[in-house]
């Protein structure tokens, strides 16, 4: 896997620490989806306000197989969780 940009890592951390998760913090968050519109309702929000930039980052993370999204929800893959935990 290629190096992650600062914004990619911020988004992974925002998904991991999102307050809308039903699952507790830990590996239970792998595959646990949250609403895309609430992505910054997290203990570690991205700080990115521009929706187009967020969308582009989500697309890059999806291509890297670090997240799965249907456009309404987003979730971490195992690789995405591992990367987020390193951040």
PDB file of N, CA and C in Angstrom:
ATOM      1  N   UNK A   1       0.852  -1.186   0.000  1.00  0.00           N
ATOM      2  CA  UNK A   1       0.000   0.000   0.000  1.00  0.00           C
ATOM      3  C   UNK A   1       0.892   1.241   0.000  1.00  0.00           C
ATOM      4  N   UNK A   2       0.481   2.225  -0.760  1.00  0.00           N
ATOM      5  CA  UNK A   2       1.247   3.462  -0.820  1.00  0.00           C
ATOM      6  C   UNK A   2       1.046   4.278   0.450  1.00  0.00           C
ATOM      7  N   UNK A   3       1.928   5.237   0.639  1.00  0.00           N
ATOM      8  CA  UNK A   3       1.822   6.129   1.787  1.00  0.00           C
ATOM      9  C   UNK A   3       0.500   6.884   1.750  1.00  0.00           C
ATOM     10  N   UNK A   4      -0.041   7.152   2.898  1.00  0.00           N
ATOM     11  CA  UNK A   4      -1.287   7.912   2.989  1.00  0.00           C
ATOM     12  C   UNK A   4      -0.978   9.383   3.178  1.00  0.00           C
ATOM     13  N   UNK A   5      -1.788  10.213   2.579  1.00  0.00           N
ATOM     14  CA  UNK A   5      -1.647  11.647   2.788  1.00  0.00           C
ATOM     15  C   UNK A   5      -2.201  11.994   4.166  1.00  0.00           C
ATOM     16  N   UNK A   6      -1.896  13.194   4.598  1.00  0.00           N
ATOM     17  CA  UNK A   6      -2.411  13.667   5.886  1.00  0.00           C
ATOM     18  C   UNK A   6      -3.937  13.658   5.884  1.00  0.00           C
ATOM     19  N   UNK A   7      -4.553  14.114   4.789  1.00  0.00           N
ATOM     20  CA  UNK A   7      -6.015  14.155   4.724  1.00  0.00           C
ATOM     21  C   UNK A   7      -6.629  12.756   4.685  1.00  0.00           C
ATOM     22  N   UNK A   8      -5.967  11.817   4.016  1.00  0.00           N
ATOM     23  CA  UNK A   8      -6.469  10.440   4.012  1.00  0.00           C
ATOM     24  C   UNK A   8      -6.448   9.868   5.428  1.00  0.00           C
ATOM     25  N   UNK A   9      -5.363  10.123   6.143  1.00  0.00           N
ATOM     26  CA  UNK A   9      -5.271   9.627   7.520  1.00  0.00           C
ATOM     27  C   UNK A   9      -6.321  10.299   8.407  1.00  0.00           C
ATOM     28  N   UNK A  10      -6.541  11.594   8.221  1.00  0.00           N
ATOM     29  CA  UNK A  10      -7.567  12.295   9.007  1.00  0.00           C
ATOM     30  C   UNK A  10      -8.932  11.667   8.774  1.00  0.00           C
ATOM     31  N   UNK A  11      -9.234  11.309   7.525  1.00  0.00           N
ATOM     32  CA  UNK A  11     -10.534  10.724   7.227  1.00  0.00           C
ATOM     33  C   UNK A  11     -10.655   9.334   7.840  1.00  0.00           C
ATOM     34  N   UNK A  12      -9.601   8.527   7.761  1.00  0.00           N
ATOM     35  CA  UNK A  12      -9.641   7.209   8.398  1.00  0.00           C
ATOM     36  C   UNK A  12      -9.862   7.339   9.896  1.00  0.00           C
ATOM     37  N   UNK A  13      -9.173   8.283  10.518  1.00  0.00           N
ATOM     38  CA  UNK A  13      -9.331   8.494  11.966  1.00  0.00           C
ATOM     39  C   UNK A  13     -10.729   9.009  12.308  1.00  0.00           C
ATOM     40  N   UNK A  14     -11.290   9.851  11.431  1.00  0.00           N
ATOM     41  CA  UNK A  14     -12.650  10.358  11.669  1.00  0.00           C
ATOM     42  C   UNK A  14     -13.674   9.230  11.580  1.00  0.00           C
ATOM     43  N   UNK A  15     -13.462   8.288  10.664  1.00  0.00           N
ATOM     44  CA  UNK A  15     -14.364   7.141  10.579  1.00  0.00           C
ATOM     45  C   UNK A  15     -14.204   6.273  11.827  1.00  0.00           C
ATOM     46  N   UNK A  16     -12.967   6.007  12.206  1.00  0.00           N
ATOM     47  CA  UNK A  16     -12.690   5.173  13.376  1.00  0.00           C
ATOM     48  C   UNK A  16     -13.291   5.767  14.646  1.00  0.00           C
ATOM     49  N   UNK A  17     -13.150   7.074  14.832  1.00  0.00           N
ATOM     50  CA  UNK A  17     -13.589   7.710  16.085  1.00  0.00           C
ATOM     51  C   UNK A  17     -14.975   8.330  15.977  1.00  0.00           C
ATOM     52  N   UNK A  18     -15.703   8.007  14.905  1.00  0.00           N
ATOM     53  CA  UNK A  18     -17.030   8.583  14.701  1.00  0.00           C
ATOM     54  C   UNK A  18     -17.960   8.210  15.852  1.00  0.00           C
ATOM     55  N   UNK A  19     -18.707   9.184  16.337  1.00  0.00           N
ATOM     56  CA  UNK A  19     -19.578   8.989  17.485  1.00  0.00           C
ATOM     57  C   UNK A  19     -20.877   8.275  17.140  1.00  0.00           C
ATOM     58  N   UNK A  20     -21.149   8.066  15.846  1.00  0.00           N
ATOM     59  CA  UNK A  20     -22.388   7.404  15.424  1.00  0.00           C
ATOM     60  C   UNK A  20     -22.243   5.880  15.347  1.00  0.00           C
ATOM     61  N   UNK A  21     -21.064   5.354  15.639  1.00  0.00           N
ATOM     62  CA  UNK A  21     -20.860   3.900  15.590  1.00  0.00           C
ATOM     63  C   UNK A  21     -21.724   3.197  16.619  1.00  0.00           C
ATOM     64  N   UNK A  22     -22.259   2.049  16.216  1.00  0.00           N
ATOM     65  CA  UNK A  22     -22.949   1.175  17.160  1.00  0.00           C
ATOM     66  C   UNK A  22     -21.942   0.286  17.886  1.00  0.00           C
ATOM     67  N   UNK A  23     -20.808   0.064  17.248  1.00  0.00           N
ATOM     68  CA  UNK A  23     -19.782  -0.820  17.791  1.00  0.00           C
ATOM     69  C   UNK A  23     -18.820  -0.034  18.690  1.00  0.00           C
ATOM     70  N   UNK A  24     -18.302  -0.694  19.729  1.00  0.00           N
ATOM     71  CA  UNK A  24     -17.314  -0.021  20.582  1.00  0.00           C
ATOM     72  C   UNK A  24     -16.011   0.193  19.819  1.00  0.00           C
ATOM     73  N   UNK A  25     -15.188   1.109  20.309  1.00  0.00           N
ATOM     74  CA  UNK A  25     -13.891   1.381  19.686  1.00  0.00           C
ATOM     75  C   UNK A  25     -13.042   0.121  19.769  1.00  0.00           C
ATOM     76  N   UNK A  26     -12.538  -0.296  18.651  1.00  0.00           N
ATOM     77  CA  UNK A  26     -11.741  -1.521  18.560  1.00  0.00           C
ATOM     78  C   UNK A  26     -12.050  -2.215  17.246  1.00  0.00           C
ATOM     79  N   UNK A  27     -11.614  -3.454  17.108  1.00  0.00           N
ATOM     80  CA  UNK A  27     -11.790  -4.179  15.858  1.00  0.00           C
ATOM     81  C   UNK A  27     -13.251  -4.367  15.475  1.00  0.00           C
ATOM     82  N   UNK A  28     -14.165  -4.208  16.421  1.00  0.00           N
ATOM     83  CA  UNK A  28     -15.583  -4.303  16.115  1.00  0.00           C
ATOM     84  C   UNK A  28     -16.018  -3.216  15.129  1.00  0.00           C
ATOM     85  N   UNK A  29     -15.203  -2.195  14.964  1.00  0.00           N
ATOM     86  CA  UNK A  29     -15.527  -1.102  14.034  1.00  0.00           C
ATOM     87  C   UNK A  29     -15.216  -1.463  12.580  1.00  0.00           C
ATOM     88  N   UNK A  30     -14.513  -2.558  12.362  1.00  0.00           N
ATOM     89  CA  UNK A  30     -14.265  -3.013  10.996  1.00  0.00           C
ATOM     90  C   UNK A  30     -15.606  -3.449  10.408  1.00  0.00           C
ATOM     91  N   UNK A  31     -15.999  -2.842   9.306  1.00  0.00           N
ATOM     92  CA  UNK A  31     -17.262  -3.177   8.671  1.00  0.00           C
ATOM     93  C   UNK A  31     -18.478  -2.546   9.318  1.00  0.00           C
ATOM     94  N   UNK A  32     -18.281  -1.754  10.361  1.00  0.00           N
ATOM     95  CA  UNK A  32     -19.378  -1.040  11.021  1.00  0.00           C
ATOM     96  C   UNK A  32     -19.528   0.318  10.345  1.00  0.00           C
ATOM     97  N   UNK A  33     -20.650   0.521   9.668  1.00  0.00           N
ATOM     98  CA  UNK A  33     -20.799   1.734   8.865  1.00  0.00           C
ATOM     99  C   UNK A  33     -21.358   2.910   9.652  1.00  0.00           C
ATOM    100  N   UNK A  34     -21.009   4.093   9.164  1.00  0.00           N
ATOM    101  CA  UNK A  34     -21.555   5.347   9.672  1.00  0.00           C
ATOM    102  C   UNK A  34     -22.041   6.154   8.476  1.00  0.00           C
ATOM    103  N   UNK A  35     -22.926   7.097   8.715  1.00  0.00           N
ATOM    104  CA  UNK A  35     -23.450   7.936   7.645  1.00  0.00           C
ATOM    105  C   UNK A  35     -22.358   8.873   7.154  1.00  0.00           C
ATOM    106  N   UNK A  36     -22.218   8.980   5.848  1.00  0.00           N
ATOM    107  CA  UNK A  36     -21.219   9.877   5.254  1.00  0.00           C
ATOM    108  C   UNK A  36     -21.429  11.318   5.696  1.00  0.00           C
ATOM    109  N   UNK A  37     -22.675  11.725   5.823  1.00  0.00           N
ATOM    110  CA  UNK A  37     -22.961  13.114   6.196  1.00  0.00           C
ATOM    111  C   UNK A  37     -22.553  13.423   7.631  1.00  0.00           C
ATOM    112  N   UNK A  38     -22.320  12.398   8.433  1.00  0.00           N
ATOM    113  CA  UNK A  38     -21.924  12.634   9.832  1.00  0.00           C
ATOM    114  C   UNK A  38     -20.448  12.310  10.060  1.00  0.00           C
ATOM    115  N   UNK A  39     -19.670  12.287   8.995  1.00  0.00           N
ATOM    116  CA  UNK A  39     -18.286  11.854   9.092  1.00  0.00           C
ATOM    117  C   UNK A  39     -17.474  12.697  10.082  1.00  0.00           C
ATOM    118  N   UNK A  40     -17.773  13.970  10.217  1.00  0.00           N
ATOM    119  CA  UNK A  40     -16.997  14.817  11.125  1.00  0.00           C
ATOM    120  C   UNK A  40     -17.575  14.894  12.531  1.00  0.00           C
ATOM    121  N   UNK A  41     -18.587  14.088  12.814  1.00  0.00           N
ATOM    122  CA  UNK A  41     -19.102  13.980  14.176  1.00  0.00           C
ATOM    123  C   UNK A  41     -18.279  12.903  14.873  1.00  0.00           C
ATOM    124  N   UNK A  42     -17.032  13.250  15.090  1.00  0.00           N
ATOM    125  CA  UNK A  42     -16.065  12.294  15.608  1.00  0.00           C
ATOM    126  C   UNK A  42     -15.195  12.949  16.661  1.00  0.00           C
ATOM    127  N   UNK A  43     -14.573  12.117  17.468  1.00  0.00           N
ATOM    128  CA  UNK A  43     -13.623  12.636  18.451  1.00  0.00           C
ATOM    129  C   UNK A  43     -12.429  13.266  17.740  1.00  0.00           C
ATOM    130  N   UNK A  44     -12.146  12.781  16.536  1.00  0.00           N
ATOM    131  CA  UNK A  44     -11.062  13.324  15.719  1.00  0.00           C
ATOM    132  C   UNK A  44     -11.629  13.707  14.345  1.00  0.00           C
ATOM    133  N   UNK A  45     -12.355  14.830  14.249  1.00  0.00           N
ATOM    134  CA  UNK A  45     -12.913  15.240  12.956  1.00  0.00           C
ATOM    135  C   UNK A  45     -11.806  15.609  11.969  1.00  0.00           C
ATOM    136  N   UNK A  46     -12.133  15.547  10.690  1.00  0.00           N
ATOM    137  CA  UNK A  46     -11.122  15.843   9.663  1.00  0.00           C
ATOM    138  C   UNK A  46     -10.766  17.312   9.613  1.00  0.00           C
ATOM    139  N   UNK A  47     -11.715  18.173   9.916  1.00  0.00           N
ATOM    140  CA  UNK A  47     -11.496  19.611   9.776  1.00  0.00           C
ATOM    141  C   UNK A  47     -11.686  20.076   8.348  1.00  0.00           C
ATOM    142  N   UNK A  48     -12.013  19.156   7.443  1.00  0.00           N
ATOM    143  CA  UNK A  48     -12.217  19.482   6.038  1.00  0.00           C
ATOM    144  C   UNK A  48     -13.687  19.818   5.828  1.00  0.00           C
ATOM    145  N   UNK A  49     -13.959  21.037   5.369  1.00  0.00           N
ATOM    146  CA  UNK A  49     -15.339  21.504   5.201  1.00  0.00           C
ATOM    147  C   UNK A  49     -15.853  21.315   3.778  1.00  0.00           C
ATOM    148  N   UNK A  50     -14.963  21.272   2.808  1.00  0.00           N
ATOM    149  CA  UNK A  50     -15.347  21.191   1.397  1.00  0.00           C
ATOM    150  C   UNK A  50     -15.773  19.767   1.046  1.00  0.00           C
ATOM    151  N   UNK A  51     -17.047  19.602   0.670  1.00  0.00           N
ATOM    152  CA  UNK A  51     -17.590  18.293   0.344  1.00  0.00           C
ATOM    153  C   UNK A  51     -16.908  17.625  -0.838  1.00  0.00           C
ATOM    154  N   UNK A  52     -16.468  18.429  -1.817  1.00  0.00           N
ATOM    155  CA  UNK A  52     -15.790  17.859  -2.986  1.00  0.00           C
ATOM    156  C   UNK A  52     -14.444  17.259  -2.603  1.00  0.00           C
ATOM    157  N   UNK A  53     -13.749  17.915  -1.684  1.00  0.00           N
ATOM    158  CA  UNK A  53     -12.463  17.393  -1.224  1.00  0.00           C
ATOM    159  C   UNK A  53     -12.677  16.097  -0.440  1.00  0.00           C
ATOM    160  N   UNK A  54     -13.677  16.092   0.444  1.00  0.00           N
ATOM    161  CA  UNK A  54     -13.976  14.876   1.196  1.00  0.00           C
ATOM    162  C   UNK A  54     -14.334  13.735   0.250  1.00  0.00           C
ATOM    163  N   UNK A  55     -15.141  14.029  -0.750  1.00  0.00           N
ATOM    164  CA  UNK A  55     -15.546  13.020  -1.720  1.00  0.00           C
ATOM    165  C   UNK A  55     -14.338  12.450  -2.461  1.00  0.00           C
ATOM    166  N   UNK A  56     -13.408  13.300  -2.830  1.00  0.00           N
ATOM    167  CA  UNK A  56     -12.202  12.856  -3.522  1.00  0.00           C
ATOM    168  C   UNK A  56     -11.353  11.960  -2.626  1.00  0.00           C
ATOM    169  N   UNK A  57     -11.249  12.310  -1.357  1.00  0.00           N
ATOM    170  CA  UNK A  57     -10.469  11.507  -0.416  1.00  0.00           C
ATOM    171  C   UNK A  57     -11.129  10.144  -0.212  1.00  0.00           C
ATOM    172  N   UNK A  58     -12.454  10.133  -0.080  1.00  0.00           N
ATOM    173  CA  UNK A  58     -13.179   8.876   0.056  1.00  0.00           C
ATOM    174  C   UNK A  58     -12.925   7.995  -1.161  1.00  0.00           C
ATOM    175  N   UNK A  59     -12.953   8.586  -2.343  1.00  0.00           N
ATOM    176  CA  UNK A  59     -12.711   7.840  -3.572  1.00  0.00           C
ATOM    177  C   UNK A  59     -11.313   7.218  -3.574  1.00  0.00           C
ATOM    178  N   UNK A  60     -10.313   7.987  -3.175  1.00  0.00           N
ATOM    179  CA  UNK A  60      -8.941   7.471  -3.116  1.00  0.00           C
ATOM    180  C   UNK A  60      -8.815   6.330  -2.110  1.00  0.00           C
ATOM    181  N   UNK A  61      -9.437   6.494  -0.942  1.00  0.00           N
ATOM    182  CA  UNK A  61      -9.380   5.452   0.085  1.00  0.00           C
ATOM    183  C   UNK A  61     -10.115   4.195  -0.369  1.00  0.00           C
ATOM    184  N   UNK A  62     -11.187   4.382  -1.113  1.00  0.00           N
ATOM    185  CA  UNK A  62     -11.933   3.245  -1.650  1.00  0.00           C
ATOM    186  C   UNK A  62     -11.086   2.494  -2.671  1.00  0.00           C
ATOM    187  N   UNK A  63     -10.395   3.223  -3.533  1.00  0.00           N
ATOM    188  CA  UNK A  63      -9.518   2.606  -4.528  1.00  0.00           C
ATOM    189  C   UNK A  63      -8.391   1.824  -3.860  1.00  0.00           C
ATOM    190  N   UNK A  64      -7.947   2.324  -2.707  1.00  0.00           N
ATOM    191  CA  UNK A  64      -6.880   1.649  -1.960  1.00  0.00           C
ATOM    192  C   UNK A  64      -7.423   0.522  -1.095  1.00  0.00           C
ATOM    193  N   UNK A  65      -8.749   0.305  -1.154  1.00  0.00           N
ATOM    194  CA  UNK A  65      -9.441  -0.748  -0.400  1.00  0.00           C
ATOM    195  C   UNK A  65      -9.306  -0.577   1.117  1.00  0.00           C
ATOM    196  N   UNK A  66      -9.294   0.697   1.544  1.00  0.00           N
ATOM    197  CA  UNK A  66      -9.229   1.008   2.971  1.00  0.00           C
ATOM    198  C   UNK A  66     -10.610   1.320   3.534  1.00  0.00           C
ATOM    199  N   UNK A  67     -11.545   1.693   2.658  1.00  0.00           N
ATOM    200  CA  UNK A  67     -12.926   1.935   3.055  1.00  0.00           C
ATOM    201  C   UNK A  67     -13.860   1.329   2.020  1.00  0.00           C
ATOM    202  N   UNK A  68     -15.097   1.112   2.446  1.00  0.00           N
ATOM    203  CA  UNK A  68     -16.174   0.686   1.556  1.00  0.00           C
ATOM    204  C   UNK A  68     -17.293   1.693   1.747  1.00  0.00           C
ATOM    205  N   UNK A  69     -17.843   2.179   0.643  1.00  0.00           N
ATOM    206  CA  UNK A  69     -18.926   3.154   0.737  1.00  0.00           C
ATOM    207  C   UNK A  69     -19.956   2.892  -0.350  1.00  0.00           C
ATOM    208  N   UNK A  70     -21.202   3.224  -0.029  1.00  0.00           N
ATOM    209  CA  UNK A  70     -22.266   3.160  -1.039  1.00  0.00           C
ATOM    210  C   UNK A  70     -22.755   4.565  -1.370  1.00  0.00           C
ATOM    211  N   UNK A  71     -22.018   5.568  -0.904  1.00  0.00           N
ATOM    212  CA  UNK A  71     -22.386   6.957  -1.129  1.00  0.00           C
ATOM    213  C   UNK A  71     -23.198   7.553   0.014  1.00  0.00           C
ATOM    214  N   UNK A  72     -23.851   6.696   0.795  1.00  0.00           N
ATOM    215  CA  UNK A  72     -24.613   7.160   1.959  1.00  0.00           C
ATOM    216  C   UNK A  72     -23.939   6.775   3.255  1.00  0.00           C
ATOM    217  N   UNK A  73     -23.311   5.595   3.258  1.00  0.00           N
ATOM    218  CA  UNK A  73     -22.594   5.136   4.445  1.00  0.00           C
ATOM    219  C   UNK A  73     -21.157   4.809   4.056  1.00  0.00           C
ATOM    220  N   UNK A  74     -20.311   4.744   5.076  1.00  0.00           N
ATOM    221  CA  UNK A  74     -18.899   4.425   4.857  1.00  0.00           C
ATOM    222  C   UNK A  74     -18.425   3.564   6.016  1.00  0.00           C
ATOM    223  N   UNK A  75     -17.536   2.631   5.716  1.00  0.00           N
ATOM    224  CA  UNK A  75     -17.000   1.760   6.752  1.00  0.00           C
ATOM    225  C   UNK A  75     -15.541   1.449   6.463  1.00  0.00           C
ATOM    226  N   UNK A  76     -14.820   1.114   7.508  1.00  0.00           N
ATOM    227  CA  UNK A  76     -13.422   0.738   7.382  1.00  0.00           C
ATOM    228  C   UNK A  76     -13.304  -0.734   7.017  1.00  0.00           C
ATOM    229  N   UNK A  77     -12.367  -1.058   6.144  1.00  0.00           N
ATOM    230  CA  UNK A  77     -11.981  -2.438   5.914  1.00  0.00           C
ATOM    231  C   UNK A  77     -10.955  -2.796   6.987  1.00  0.00           C
ATOM    232  N   UNK A  78     -10.525  -4.037   7.018  1.00  0.00           N
ATOM    233  CA  UNK A  78      -9.475  -4.446   7.975  1.00  0.00           C
ATOM    234  C   UNK A  78      -8.208  -3.635   7.719  1.00  0.00           C
ATOM    235  N   UNK A  79      -7.840  -3.476   6.438  1.00  0.00           N
ATOM    236  CA  UNK A  79      -6.640  -2.692   6.102  1.00  0.00           C
ATOM    237  C   UNK A  79      -6.815  -1.229   6.500  1.00  0.00           C
ATOM    238  N   UNK A  80      -8.025  -0.683   6.327  1.00  0.00           N
ATOM    239  CA  UNK A  80      -8.301   0.691   6.723  1.00  0.00           C
ATOM    240  C   UNK A  80      -8.233   0.868   8.231  1.00  0.00           C
ATOM    241  N   UNK A  81      -8.759  -0.113   8.946  1.00  0.00           N
ATOM    242  CA  UNK A  81      -8.698  -0.074  10.413  1.00  0.00           C
ATOM    243  C   UNK A  81      -7.239  -0.096  10.875  1.00  0.00           C
ATOM    244  N   UNK A  82      -6.449  -1.019  10.288  1.00  0.00           N
ATOM    245  CA  UNK A  82      -5.040  -1.117  10.673  1.00  0.00           C
ATOM    246  C   UNK A  82      -4.306   0.200  10.413  1.00  0.00           C
ATOM    247  N   UNK A  83      -4.575   0.815   9.266  1.00  0.00           N
ATOM    248  CA  UNK A  83      -3.935   2.099   8.933  1.00  0.00           C
ATOM    249  C   UNK A  83      -4.370   3.187   9.914  1.00  0.00           C
ATOM    250  N   UNK A  84      -5.659   3.226  10.240  1.00  0.00           N
ATOM    251  CA  UNK A  84      -6.184   4.240  11.159  1.00  0.00           C
ATOM    252  C   UNK A  84      -5.581   4.072  12.563  1.00  0.00           C
ATOM    253  N   UNK A  85      -5.356   2.837  12.974  1.00  0.00           N
ATOM    254  CA  UNK A  85      -4.785   2.595  14.288  1.00  0.00           C
ATOM    255  C   UNK A  85      -3.321   3.044  14.363  1.00  0.00           C
ATOM    256  N   UNK A  86      -2.633   3.067  13.228  1.00  0.00           N
ATOM    257  CA  UNK A  86      -1.240   3.524  13.204  1.00  0.00           C
ATOM    258  C   UNK A  86      -1.161   5.041  13.299  1.00  0.00           C
ATOM    259  N   UNK A  87      -2.274   5.710  12.910  1.00  0.00           N
ATOM    260  CA  UNK A  87      -2.297   7.177  12.905  1.00  0.00           C
ATOM    261  C   UNK A  87      -2.529   7.687  14.239  1.00  0.00           C
TER     262      UNK A  87
END
